[in-house]
Amino acid sequence: MLKNKVYDVLKWIALIALPALSLLIGALGQIWGWVDSEKIVLTISAVATFLGALIGVSSIKYNKENEEGE
C-alpha cells in the first residue's frame, strides 16, 4: 500500500508532468530539429501510460477494499 503523499506525487507525475514533458520535447524537437526526439516522446508517453495504468488499478483495488470493509 502506498501512502497518500506518495500516491499523489506518482499520480501528478503520471497525469501532469510526463505528458507535459512529452509535449515540450516533441514541440522543441520539431522546432530545433533534435535527433530522435520522436523516440524520446514515445518513451515518455509509454512510461506515463504505464504509470497511469498502475495507479488506476491501485485506486480500483483500494476503493474495492474500502467498500468491502464498510
Protein backbone atom coordinates (compact mmCIF):
# COMPACT_ATOMS: atom_id res chain seq x y z
CA MET A 1 0.00 0.00 0.00
CA LEU A 2 1.24 3.43 -0.87
CA LYS A 3 0.99 6.35 1.49
CA ASN A 4 -1.33 9.10 0.30
CA LYS A 5 1.55 11.53 -0.30
CA VAL A 6 3.45 9.01 -2.48
CA TYR A 7 0.27 8.16 -4.38
CA ASP A 8 -0.48 11.85 -5.00
CA VAL A 9 3.07 12.51 -6.25
CA LEU A 10 3.03 9.50 -8.58
CA LYS A 11 -0.41 10.49 -9.87
CA TRP A 12 0.80 14.05 -10.56
CA ILE A 13 3.88 12.72 -12.36
CA ALA A 14 1.86 10.28 -14.49
CA LEU A 15 -1.05 12.58 -15.31
CA ILE A 16 0.56 16.03 -15.50
CA ALA A 17 4.35 16.12 -15.56
CA LEU A 18 5.22 13.34 -18.02
CA PRO A 19 2.59 14.26 -20.65
CA ALA A 20 3.65 17.93 -20.41
CA LEU A 21 7.33 16.96 -20.74
CA SER A 22 6.50 14.77 -23.72
CA LEU A 23 4.71 17.62 -25.46
CA LEU A 24 7.53 20.05 -24.71
CA ILE A 25 10.20 17.73 -26.10
CA GLY A 26 8.08 16.94 -29.15
CA ALA A 27 7.47 20.60 -29.93
CA LEU A 28 11.05 21.74 -29.31
CA GLY A 29 12.39 18.73 -31.19
CA GLN A 30 10.40 19.75 -34.27
CA ILE A 31 11.39 23.40 -33.98
CA TRP A 32 15.09 22.78 -33.41
CA GLY A 33 15.49 19.59 -35.42
CA TRP A 34 16.60 17.44 -32.49
CA VAL A 35 17.65 13.95 -33.49
CA ASP A 36 15.38 11.12 -32.28
CA SER A 37 13.00 13.43 -30.41
CA GLU A 38 10.12 11.22 -31.60
CA LYS A 39 11.66 8.23 -29.82
CA ILE A 40 12.03 10.25 -26.63
CA VAL A 41 8.42 11.42 -26.83
CA LEU A 42 7.17 7.87 -27.37
CA THR A 43 9.26 6.59 -24.47
CA ILE A 44 7.96 9.25 -22.09
CA SER A 45 4.39 8.64 -23.24
CA ALA A 46 4.76 4.90 -22.74
CA VAL A 47 6.10 5.40 -19.20
CA ALA A 48 3.26 7.84 -18.38
CA THR A 49 0.66 5.40 -19.70
CA PHE A 50 2.18 2.53 -17.74
CA LEU A 51 2.26 4.55 -14.51
CA GLY A 52 -1.29 5.75 -15.10
CA ALA A 53 -2.49 2.19 -15.56
CA LEU A 54 -0.77 1.03 -12.37
CA ILE A 55 -2.23 3.94 -10.43
CA GLY A 56 -5.68 3.22 -11.85
CA VAL A 57 -5.51 -0.44 -10.84
CA SER A 58 -4.26 0.53 -7.40
CA SER A 59 -7.11 3.01 -7.00
CA ILE A 60 -9.72 0.46 -8.04
CA LYS A 61 -8.29 -2.12 -5.63
CA TYR A 62 -8.18 0.41 -2.79
CA ASN A 63 -11.78 1.52 -3.38
CA LYS A 64 -12.99 -2.07 -3.59
CA GLU A 65 -11.28 -2.98 -0.29
CA ASN A 66 -12.82 0.08 1.40
CA GLU A 67 -16.31 -0.80 0.15
CA GLU A 68 -15.98 -4.36 1.47
CA GLY A 69 -14.76 -3.10 4.84
CA GLU A 70 -17.86 -0.97 5.43
